[in-house]
PDB file of all heavy atoms in Angstrom:
ATOM      1  N   GLN A   1     -13.423 -27.577  37.652  1.00  0.00           N
ATOM      2  CA  GLN A   1     -13.521 -26.185  37.232  1.00  0.00           C
ATOM      3  C   GLN A   1     -12.189 -25.449  37.429  1.00  0.00           C
ATOM      4  O   GLN A   1     -11.752 -24.693  36.566  1.00  0.00           O
ATOM      5  CB  GLN A   1     -14.628 -25.499  38.038  1.00  0.00           C
ATOM      6  CG  GLN A   1     -15.069 -24.198  37.426  1.00  0.00           C
ATOM      7  CD  GLN A   1     -16.268 -23.629  38.151  1.00  0.00           C
ATOM      8  OE1 GLN A   1     -16.275 -23.508  39.368  1.00  0.00           O
ATOM      9  NE2 GLN A   1     -17.294 -23.273  37.407  1.00  0.00           N
ATOM     10  N   TYR A   2     -11.535 -25.690  38.553  1.00  0.00           N
ATOM     11  CA  TYR A   2     -10.295 -24.983  38.854  1.00  0.00           C
ATOM     12  C   TYR A   2      -9.135 -25.490  38.009  1.00  0.00           C
ATOM     13  O   TYR A   2      -8.317 -24.726  37.528  1.00  0.00           O
ATOM     14  CB  TYR A   2      -9.933 -25.117  40.340  1.00  0.00           C
ATOM     15  CG  TYR A   2     -10.925 -24.471  41.274  1.00  0.00           C
ATOM     16  CD1 TYR A   2     -11.005 -24.852  42.608  1.00  0.00           C
ATOM     17  CD2 TYR A   2     -11.795 -23.476  40.836  1.00  0.00           C
ATOM     18  CE1 TYR A   2     -11.912 -24.267  43.479  1.00  0.00           C
ATOM     19  CE2 TYR A   2     -12.710 -22.889  41.693  1.00  0.00           C
ATOM     20  CZ  TYR A   2     -12.763 -23.293  43.016  1.00  0.00           C
ATOM     21  OH  TYR A   2     -13.668 -22.716  43.870  1.00  0.00           O
ATOM     22  N   ARG A   3      -9.051 -26.813  37.854  1.00  0.00           N
ATOM     23  CA  ARG A   3      -7.899 -27.377  37.137  1.00  0.00           C
ATOM     24  C   ARG A   3      -8.111 -27.435  35.638  1.00  0.00           C
ATOM     25  O   ARG A   3      -7.179 -27.686  34.899  1.00  0.00           O
ATOM     26  CB  ARG A   3      -7.604 -28.787  37.646  1.00  0.00           C
ATOM     27  CG  ARG A   3      -6.957 -28.800  38.990  1.00  0.00           C
ATOM     28  CD  ARG A   3      -6.046 -29.998  39.174  1.00  0.00           C
ATOM     29  NE  ARG A   3      -5.445 -29.912  40.500  1.00  0.00           N
ATOM     30  CZ  ARG A   3      -6.014 -30.367  41.594  1.00  0.00           C
ATOM     31  NH1 ARG A   3      -7.172 -30.992  41.521  1.00  0.00           N
ATOM     32  NH2 ARG A   3      -5.429 -30.218  42.761  1.00  0.00           N
ATOM     33  N   GLN A   4      -9.372 -27.263  35.201  1.00  0.00           N
ATOM     34  CA  GLN A   4      -9.674 -27.344  33.764  1.00  0.00           C
ATOM     35  C   GLN A   4      -9.153 -28.669  33.189  1.00  0.00           C
ATOM     36  O   GLN A   4      -8.443 -28.714  32.182  1.00  0.00           O
ATOM     37  CB  GLN A   4      -9.037 -26.160  33.019  1.00  0.00           C
ATOM     38  CG  GLN A   4      -9.532 -24.804  33.526  1.00  0.00           C
ATOM     39  CD  GLN A   4     -10.941 -24.482  33.061  1.00  0.00           C
ATOM     40  OE1 GLN A   4     -11.167 -24.136  31.918  1.00  0.00           O
ATOM     41  NE2 GLN A   4     -11.909 -24.589  33.962  1.00  0.00           N
ATOM     42  N   ASN A   5      -9.493 -29.764  33.905  1.00  0.00           N
ATOM     43  CA  ASN A   5      -9.138 -31.135  33.486  1.00  0.00           C
ATOM     44  C   ASN A   5      -7.647 -31.486  33.583  1.00  0.00           C
ATOM     45  O   ASN A   5      -7.230 -32.536  33.111  1.00  0.00           O
ATOM     46  CB  ASN A   5      -9.670 -31.447  32.074  1.00  0.00           C
ATOM     47  CG  ASN A   5     -11.186 -31.340  32.023  1.00  0.00           C
ATOM     48  OD1 ASN A   5     -11.864 -31.779  32.946  1.00  0.00           O
ATOM     49  ND2 ASN A   5     -11.716 -30.748  30.965  1.00  0.00           N
ATOM     50  N   ARG A   6      -6.842 -30.609  34.162  1.00  0.00           N
ATOM     51  CA  ARG A   6      -5.454 -31.000  34.452  1.00  0.00           C
ATOM     52  C   ARG A   6      -5.480 -31.998  35.604  1.00  0.00           C
ATOM     53  O   ARG A   6      -6.318 -31.907  36.493  1.00  0.00           O
ATOM     54  CB  ARG A   6      -4.622 -29.781  34.895  1.00  0.00           C
ATOM     55  CG  ARG A   6      -4.274 -28.805  33.805  1.00  0.00           C
ATOM     56  CD  ARG A   6      -3.250 -27.773  34.308  1.00  0.00           C
ATOM     57  NE  ARG A   6      -3.666 -27.101  35.525  1.00  0.00           N
ATOM     58  CZ  ARG A   6      -4.450 -26.027  35.554  1.00  0.00           C
ATOM     59  NH1 ARG A   6      -4.921 -25.496  34.435  1.00  0.00           N
ATOM     60  NH2 ARG A   6      -4.767 -25.458  36.699  1.00  0.00           N
ATOM     61  N   ASP A   7      -4.543 -32.927  35.633  1.00  0.00           N
ATOM     62  CA  ASP A   7      -4.484 -33.892  36.732  1.00  0.00           C
ATOM     63  C   ASP A   7      -4.027 -33.209  38.014  1.00  0.00           C
ATOM     64  O   ASP A   7      -3.252 -32.253  37.968  1.00  0.00           O
ATOM     65  CB  ASP A   7      -3.499 -35.027  36.401  1.00  0.00           C
ATOM     66  CG  ASP A   7      -4.049 -35.955  35.325  1.00  0.00           C
ATOM     67  OD1 ASP A   7      -5.291 -35.988  35.166  1.00  0.00           O
ATOM     68  OD2 ASP A   7      -3.248 -36.614  34.646  1.00  0.00           O
ATOM     69  N   ALA A   8      -4.484 -33.754  39.135  1.00  0.00           N
ATOM     70  CA  ALA A   8      -3.990 -33.273  40.431  1.00  0.00           C
ATOM     71  C   ALA A   8      -2.515 -33.662  40.548  1.00  0.00           C
ATOM     72  O   ALA A   8      -2.104 -34.699  40.033  1.00  0.00           O
ATOM     73  CB  ALA A   8      -4.792 -33.902  41.558  1.00  0.00           C
ATOM     74  N   PRO A   9      -1.709 -32.830  41.207  1.00  0.00           N
ATOM     75  CA  PRO A   9      -0.280 -33.161  41.310  1.00  0.00           C
ATOM     76  C   PRO A   9      -0.045 -34.354  42.232  1.00  0.00           C
ATOM     77  O   PRO A   9      -0.813 -34.569  43.176  1.00  0.00           O
ATOM     78  CB  PRO A   9       0.333 -31.885  41.901  1.00  0.00           C
ATOM     79  CG  PRO A   9      -0.781 -31.241  42.662  1.00  0.00           C
ATOM     80  CD  PRO A   9      -2.033 -31.583  41.919  1.00  0.00           C
ATOM     81  N   ASP A  10       1.002 -35.105  41.971  1.00  0.00           N
ATOM     82  CA  ASP A  10       1.406 -36.196  42.850  1.00  0.00           C
ATOM     83  C   ASP A  10       2.197 -35.557  43.995  1.00  0.00           C
ATOM     84  O   ASP A  10       3.226 -34.919  43.770  1.00  0.00           O
ATOM     85  CB  ASP A  10       2.283 -37.182  42.067  1.00  0.00           C
ATOM     86  CG  ASP A  10       2.652 -38.402  42.910  1.00  0.00           C
ATOM     87  OD1 ASP A  10       2.317 -38.425  44.112  1.00  0.00           O
ATOM     88  OD2 ASP A  10       3.285 -39.326  42.363  1.00  0.00           O
ATOM     89  N   LEU A  11       1.697 -35.698  45.216  1.00  0.00           N
ATOM     90  CA  LEU A  11       2.310 -35.000  46.349  1.00  0.00           C
ATOM     91  C   LEU A  11       3.264 -35.876  47.156  1.00  0.00           C
ATOM     92  O   LEU A  11       3.872 -35.410  48.116  1.00  0.00           O
ATOM     93  CB  LEU A  11       1.209 -34.453  47.271  1.00  0.00           C
ATOM     94  CG  LEU A  11       0.271 -33.425  46.620  1.00  0.00           C
ATOM     95  CD1 LEU A  11      -0.850 -33.060  47.571  1.00  0.00           C
ATOM     96  CD2 LEU A  11       1.022 -32.176  46.180  1.00  0.00           C
ATOM     97  N   ARG A  12       3.404 -37.140  46.770  1.00  0.00           N
ATOM     98  CA  ARG A  12       4.276 -38.042  47.533  1.00  0.00           C
ATOM     99  C   ARG A  12       5.714 -37.526  47.553  1.00  0.00           C
ATOM    100  O   ARG A  12       6.263 -37.159  46.512  1.00  0.00           O
ATOM    101  CB  ARG A  12       4.262 -39.446  46.913  1.00  0.00           C
ATOM    102  CG  ARG A  12       3.024 -40.256  47.265  1.00  0.00           C
ATOM    103  CD  ARG A  12       2.988 -41.539  46.490  1.00  0.00           C
ATOM    104  NE  ARG A  12       3.003 -41.276  45.049  1.00  0.00           N
ATOM    105  CZ  ARG A  12       2.865 -42.239  44.134  1.00  0.00           C
ATOM    106  NH1 ARG A  12       2.728 -43.484  44.492  1.00  0.00           N
ATOM    107  NH2 ARG A  12       2.883 -41.934  42.848  1.00  0.00           N
ATOM    108  N   GLY A  13       6.267 -37.484  48.762  1.00  0.00           N
ATOM    109  CA  GLY A  13       7.662 -37.081  48.898  1.00  0.00           C
ATOM    110  C   GLY A  13       7.924 -35.602  48.714  1.00  0.00           C
ATOM    111  O   GLY A  13       9.072 -35.186  48.584  1.00  0.00           O
ATOM    112  N   ARG A  14       6.857 -34.802  48.719  1.00  0.00           N
ATOM    113  CA  ARG A  14       7.051 -33.362  48.486  1.00  0.00           C
ATOM    114  C   ARG A  14       6.833 -32.548  49.756  1.00  0.00           C
ATOM    115  O   ARG A  14       6.214 -33.011  50.719  1.00  0.00           O
ATOM    116  CB  ARG A  14       6.086 -32.877  47.396  1.00  0.00           C
ATOM    117  CG  ARG A  14       6.327 -33.593  46.076  1.00  0.00           C
ATOM    118  CD  ARG A  14       5.506 -33.026  44.952  1.00  0.00           C
ATOM    119  NE  ARG A  14       6.052 -31.774  44.432  1.00  0.00           N
ATOM    120  CZ  ARG A  14       5.608 -31.178  43.329  1.00  0.00           C
ATOM    121  NH1 ARG A  14       4.636 -31.728  42.629  1.00  0.00           N
ATOM    122  NH2 ARG A  14       6.143 -30.051  42.911  1.00  0.00           N
ATOM    123  N   VAL A  15       7.346 -31.341  49.744  1.00  0.00           N
ATOM    124  CA  VAL A  15       7.099 -30.375  50.821  1.00  0.00           C
ATOM    125  C   VAL A  15       5.871 -29.574  50.401  1.00  0.00           C
ATOM    126  O   VAL A  15       5.898 -28.889  49.377  1.00  0.00           O
ATOM    127  CB  VAL A  15       8.307 -29.441  51.027  1.00  0.00           C
ATOM    128  CG1 VAL A  15       7.968 -28.340  52.031  1.00  0.00           C
ATOM    129  CG2 VAL A  15       9.522 -30.230  51.486  1.00  0.00           C
ATOM    130  N   ALA A  16       4.795 -29.678  51.172  1.00  0.00           N
ATOM    131  CA  ALA A  16       3.553 -28.974  50.844  1.00  0.00           C
ATOM    132  C   ALA A  16       3.449 -27.705  51.681  1.00  0.00           C
ATOM    133  O   ALA A  16       3.413 -27.760  52.913  1.00  0.00           O
ATOM    134  CB  ALA A  16       2.352 -29.880  51.113  1.00  0.00           C
ATOM    135  N   VAL A  17       3.439 -26.560  50.994  1.00  0.00           N
ATOM    136  CA  VAL A  17       3.239 -25.274  51.672  1.00  0.00           C
ATOM    137  C   VAL A  17       1.761 -24.936  51.502  1.00  0.00           C
ATOM    138  O   VAL A  17       1.321 -24.530  50.425  1.00  0.00           O
ATOM    139  CB  VAL A  17       4.146 -24.170  51.070  1.00  0.00           C
ATOM    140  CG1 VAL A  17       3.947 -22.856  51.825  1.00  0.00           C
ATOM    141  CG2 VAL A  17       5.615 -24.596  51.108  1.00  0.00           C
ATOM    142  N   LEU A  18       0.997 -25.141  52.562  1.00  0.00           N
ATOM    143  CA  LEU A  18      -0.456 -25.017  52.521  1.00  0.00           C
ATOM    144  C   LEU A  18      -0.863 -23.609  52.951  1.00  0.00           C
ATOM    145  O   LEU A  18      -0.571 -23.191  54.074  1.00  0.00           O
ATOM    146  CB  LEU A  18      -1.049 -26.066  53.469  1.00  0.00           C
ATOM    147  CG  LEU A  18      -2.529 -26.363  53.433  1.00  0.00           C
ATOM    148  CD1 LEU A  18      -2.976 -26.864  52.071  1.00  0.00           C
ATOM    149  CD2 LEU A  18      -2.864 -27.399  54.503  1.00  0.00           C
ATOM    150  N   VAL A  19      -1.509 -22.879  52.044  1.00  0.00           N
ATOM    151  CA  VAL A  19      -1.749 -21.445  52.269  1.00  0.00           C
ATOM    152  C   VAL A  19      -3.239 -21.111  52.282  1.00  0.00           C
ATOM    153  O   VAL A  19      -3.999 -21.565  51.430  1.00  0.00           O
ATOM    154  CB  VAL A  19      -1.050 -20.610  51.158  1.00  0.00           C
ATOM    155  CG1 VAL A  19      -1.385 -19.129  51.287  1.00  0.00           C
ATOM    156  CG2 VAL A  19       0.466 -20.816  51.207  1.00  0.00           C
ATOM    157  N   ASP A  20      -3.643 -20.297  53.265  1.00  0.00           N
ATOM    158  CA  ASP A  20      -4.994 -19.731  53.277  1.00  0.00           C
ATOM    159  C   ASP A  20      -4.862 -18.232  53.541  1.00  0.00           C
ATOM    160  O   ASP A  20      -3.775 -17.744  53.857  1.00  0.00           O
ATOM    161  CB  ASP A  20      -5.861 -20.405  54.345  1.00  0.00           C
ATOM    162  CG  ASP A  20      -7.347 -20.356  53.996  1.00  0.00           C
ATOM    163  OD1 ASP A  20      -7.724 -19.640  53.040  1.00  0.00           O
ATOM    164  OD2 ASP A  20      -8.147 -21.033  54.675  1.00  0.00           O
ATOM    165  N   ASP A  21      -5.975 -17.502  53.418  1.00  0.00           N
ATOM    166  CA  ASP A  21      -5.882 -16.038  53.623  1.00  0.00           C
ATOM    167  C   ASP A  21      -5.899 -15.660  55.097  1.00  0.00           C
ATOM    168  O   ASP A  21      -5.740 -14.505  55.464  1.00  0.00           O
ATOM    169  CB  ASP A  21      -6.969 -15.288  52.836  1.00  0.00           C
ATOM    170  CG  ASP A  21      -8.381 -15.792  53.120  1.00  0.00           C
ATOM    171  OD1 ASP A  21      -8.562 -16.576  54.076  1.00  0.00           O
ATOM    172  OD2 ASP A  21      -9.310 -15.412  52.368  1.00  0.00           O
ATOM    173  N   GLY A  22      -6.093 -16.657  55.969  1.00  0.00           N
ATOM    174  CA  GLY A  22      -6.075 -16.428  57.404  1.00  0.00           C
ATOM    175  C   GLY A  22      -6.717 -17.599  58.116  1.00  0.00           C
ATOM    176  O   GLY A  22      -7.359 -18.438  57.480  1.00  0.00           O
ATOM    177  N   VAL A  23      -6.515 -17.684  59.438  1.00  0.00           N
ATOM    178  CA  VAL A  23      -7.206 -18.719  60.216  1.00  0.00           C
ATOM    179  C   VAL A  23      -7.902 -18.087  61.407  1.00  0.00           C
ATOM    180  O   VAL A  23      -7.315 -17.273  62.114  1.00  0.00           O
ATOM    181  CB  VAL A  23      -6.259 -19.859  60.698  1.00  0.00           C
ATOM    182  CG1 VAL A  23      -5.838 -20.750  59.551  1.00  0.00           C
ATOM    183  CG2 VAL A  23      -5.047 -19.344  61.441  1.00  0.00           C
ATOM    184  N   ALA A  24      -9.158 -18.478  61.589  1.00  0.00           N
ATOM    185  CA  ALA A  24      -9.917 -18.056  62.773  1.00  0.00           C
ATOM    186  C   ALA A  24     -10.030 -19.274  63.695  1.00  0.00           C
ATOM    187  O   ALA A  24      -9.300 -19.410  64.666  1.00  0.00           O
ATOM    188  CB  ALA A  24     -11.279 -17.516  62.367  1.00  0.00           C
ATOM    189  N   THR A  25     -10.916 -20.231  63.347  1.00  0.00           N
ATOM    190  CA  THR A  25     -11.016 -21.468  64.148  1.00  0.00           C
ATOM    191  C   THR A  25     -10.016 -22.512  63.660  1.00  0.00           C
ATOM    192  O   THR A  25      -9.644 -23.411  64.385  1.00  0.00           O
ATOM    193  CB  THR A  25     -12.421 -22.084  64.050  1.00  0.00           C
ATOM    194  OG1 THR A  25     -12.648 -22.500  62.696  1.00  0.00           O
ATOM    195  CG2 THR A  25     -13.492 -21.087  64.452  1.00  0.00           C
ATOM    196  N   GLY A  26      -9.608 -22.397  62.395  1.00  0.00           N
ATOM    197  CA  GLY A  26      -8.624 -23.334  61.844  1.00  0.00           C
ATOM    198  C   GLY A  26      -9.207 -24.646  61.349  1.00  0.00           C
ATOM    199  O   GLY A  26      -8.463 -25.557  60.980  1.00  0.00           O
ATOM    200  N   ALA A  27     -10.545 -24.770  61.300  1.00  0.00           N
ATOM    201  CA  ALA A  27     -11.174 -26.049  60.938  1.00  0.00           C
ATOM    202  C   ALA A  27     -10.792 -26.513  59.530  1.00  0.00           C
ATOM    203  O   ALA A  27     -10.458 -27.680  59.313  1.00  0.00           O
ATOM    204  CB  ALA A  27     -12.696 -25.939  61.063  1.00  0.00           C
ATOM    205  N   THR A  28     -10.826 -25.598  58.558  1.00  0.00           N
ATOM    206  CA  THR A  28     -10.509 -25.978  57.177  1.00  0.00           C
ATOM    207  C   THR A  28      -9.043 -26.372  57.059  1.00  0.00           C
ATOM    208  O   THR A  28      -8.703 -27.363  56.406  1.00  0.00           O
ATOM    209  CB  THR A  28     -10.794 -24.791  56.225  1.00  0.00           C
ATOM    210  OG1 THR A  28     -12.095 -24.299  56.504  1.00  0.00           O
ATOM    211  CG2 THR A  28     -10.738 -25.215  54.775  1.00  0.00           C
ATOM    212  N   MET A  29      -8.180 -25.598  57.690  1.00  0.00           N
ATOM    213  CA  MET A  29      -6.740 -25.895  57.649  1.00  0.00           C
ATOM    214  C   MET A  29      -6.467 -27.259  58.274  1.00  0.00           C
ATOM    215  O   MET A  29      -5.697 -28.058  57.741  1.00  0.00           O
ATOM    216  CB  MET A  29      -5.964 -24.792  58.384  1.00  0.00           C
ATOM    217  CG  MET A  29      -4.458 -24.912  58.310  1.00  0.00           C
ATOM    218  SD  MET A  29      -3.788 -24.745  56.629  1.00  0.00           S
ATOM    219  CE  MET A  29      -3.551 -22.970  56.496  1.00  0.00           C
ATOM    220  N   ARG A  30      -7.138 -27.556  59.404  1.00  0.00           N
ATOM    221  CA  ARG A  30      -6.936 -28.859  60.065  1.00  0.00           C
ATOM    222  C   ARG A  30      -7.336 -30.008  59.158  1.00  0.00           C
ATOM    223  O   ARG A  30      -6.656 -31.031  59.081  1.00  0.00           O
ATOM    224  CB  ARG A  30      -7.780 -28.936  61.342  1.00  0.00           C
ATOM    225  CG  ARG A  30      -7.104 -28.355  62.515  1.00  0.00           C
ATOM    226  CD  ARG A  30      -7.780 -28.716  63.831  1.00  0.00           C
ATOM    227  NE  ARG A  30      -7.153 -27.914  64.853  1.00  0.00           N
ATOM    228  CZ  ARG A  30      -7.564 -26.688  65.180  1.00  0.00           C
ATOM    229  NH1 ARG A  30      -8.603 -26.151  64.595  1.00  0.00           N
ATOM    230  NH2 ARG A  30      -6.917 -25.996  66.097  1.00  0.00           N
ATOM    231  N   ALA A  31      -8.474 -29.847  58.477  1.00  0.00           N
ATOM    232  CA  ALA A  31      -8.946 -30.899  57.566  1.00  0.00           C
ATOM    233  C   ALA A  31      -7.941 -31.105  56.438  1.00  0.00           C
ATOM    234  O   ALA A  31      -7.619 -32.239  56.067  1.00  0.00           O
ATOM    235  CB  ALA A  31     -10.314 -30.528  57.000  1.00  0.00           C
ATOM    236  N   ALA A  32      -7.423 -30.004  55.908  1.00  0.00           N
ATOM    237  CA  ALA A  32      -6.453 -30.094  54.819  1.00  0.00           C
ATOM    238  C   ALA A  32      -5.172 -30.774  55.291  1.00  0.00           C
ATOM    239  O   ALA A  32      -4.604 -31.614  54.581  1.00  0.00           O
ATOM    240  CB  ALA A  32      -6.142 -28.698  54.283  1.00  0.00           C
ATOM    241  N   VAL A  33      -4.732 -30.441  56.495  1.00  0.00           N
ATOM    242  CA  VAL A  33      -3.514 -31.040  57.051  1.00  0.00           C
ATOM    243  C   VAL A  33      -3.698 -32.548  57.228  1.00  0.00           C
ATOM    244  O   VAL A  33      -2.840 -33.347  56.834  1.00  0.00           O
ATOM    245  CB  VAL A  33      -3.140 -30.368  58.402  1.00  0.00           C
ATOM    246  CG1 VAL A  33      -2.081 -31.162  59.149  1.00  0.00           C
ATOM    247  CG2 VAL A  33      -2.655 -28.939  58.165  1.00  0.00           C
ATOM    248  N   ALA A  34      -4.847 -32.933  57.798  1.00  0.00           N
ATOM    249  CA  ALA A  34      -5.112 -34.362  58.010  1.00  0.00           C
ATOM    250  C   ALA A  34      -5.144 -35.099  56.673  1.00  0.00           C
ATOM    251  O   ALA A  34      -4.643 -36.226  56.552  1.00  0.00           O
ATOM    252  CB  ALA A  34      -6.433 -34.538  58.753  1.00  0.00           C
ATOM    253  N   ALA A  35      -5.716 -34.461  55.660  1.00  0.00           N
ATOM    254  CA  ALA A  35      -5.790 -35.073  54.331  1.00  0.00           C
ATOM    255  C   ALA A  35      -4.405 -35.187  53.705  1.00  0.00           C
ATOM    256  O   ALA A  35      -4.060 -36.206  53.101  1.00  0.00           O
ATOM    257  CB  ALA A  35      -6.716 -34.257  53.436  1.00  0.00           C
ATOM    258  N   LEU A  36      -3.587 -34.151  53.872  1.00  0.00           N
ATOM    259  CA  LEU A  36      -2.229 -34.181  53.305  1.00  0.00           C
ATOM    260  C   LEU A  36      -1.379 -35.274  53.954  1.00  0.00           C
ATOM    261  O   LEU A  36      -0.549 -35.896  53.294  1.00  0.00           O
ATOM    262  CB  LEU A  36      -1.538 -32.831  53.491  1.00  0.00           C
ATOM    263  CG  LEU A  36      -1.845 -31.758  52.447  1.00  0.00           C
ATOM    264  CD1 LEU A  36      -1.182 -30.450  52.834  1.00  0.00           C
ATOM    265  CD2 LEU A  36      -1.386 -32.174  51.062  1.00  0.00           C
ATOM    266  N   ARG A  37      -1.601 -35.499  55.253  1.00  0.00           N
ATOM    267  CA  ARG A  37      -0.852 -36.549  55.960  1.00  0.00           C
ATOM    268  C   ARG A  37      -1.042 -37.899  55.270  1.00  0.00           C
ATOM    269  O   ARG A  37      -0.164 -38.741  55.271  1.00  0.00           O
ATOM    270  CB  ARG A  37      -1.320 -36.663  57.409  1.00  0.00           C
ATOM    271  CG  ARG A  37      -0.880 -35.520  58.284  1.00  0.00           C
ATOM    272  CD  ARG A  37       0.398 -35.814  59.048  1.00  0.00           C
ATOM    273  NE  ARG A  37       0.811 -34.644  59.807  1.00  0.00           N
ATOM    274  CZ  ARG A  37       1.919 -33.948  59.608  1.00  0.00           C
ATOM    275  NH1 ARG A  37       2.742 -34.291  58.648  1.00  0.00           N
ATOM    276  NH2 ARG A  37       2.230 -32.915  60.353  1.00  0.00           N
ATOM    277  N   LYS A  38      -2.239 -38.103  54.703  1.00  0.00           N
ATOM    278  CA  LYS A  38      -2.539 -39.383  54.057  1.00  0.00           C
ATOM    279  C   LYS A  38      -1.962 -39.471  52.650  1.00  0.00           C
ATOM    280  O   LYS A  38      -2.098 -40.481  51.986  1.00  0.00           O
ATOM    281  CB  LYS A  38      -4.056 -39.588  54.006  1.00  0.00           C
ATOM    282  CG  LYS A  38      -4.688 -39.716  55.389  1.00  0.00           C
ATOM    283  CD  LYS A  38      -6.148 -40.099  55.302  1.00  0.00           C
ATOM    284  CE  LYS A  38      -6.710 -40.362  56.695  1.00  0.00           C
ATOM    285  NZ  LYS A  38      -8.063 -40.928  56.648  1.00  0.00           N
ATOM    286  N   GLN A  39      -1.353 -38.388  52.184  1.00  0.00           N
ATOM    287  CA  GLN A  39      -0.816 -38.383  50.821  1.00  0.00           C
ATOM    288  C   GLN A  39       0.710 -38.532  50.791  1.00  0.00           C
ATOM    289  O   GLN A  39       1.352 -38.251  49.791  1.00  0.00           O
ATOM    290  CB  GLN A  39      -1.237 -37.100  50.096  1.00  0.00           C
ATOM    291  CG  GLN A  39      -2.745 -37.004  49.976  1.00  0.00           C
ATOM    292  CD  GLN A  39      -3.193 -36.361  48.679  1.00  0.00           C
ATOM    293  OE1 GLN A  39      -2.426 -36.240  47.739  1.00  0.00           O
ATOM    294  NE2 GLN A  39      -4.433 -35.959  48.614  1.00  0.00           N
TER     295      GLN A  39
END
């Protein structure tokens, strides 16, 4: 729905600036960070 069938970007070798509107417990941000580490 968000990408409208565009491919996800290839993140290998890139600097990822991961943005949210704020962090309280940080659970979502942590999950995203762990996932990015694998990319």
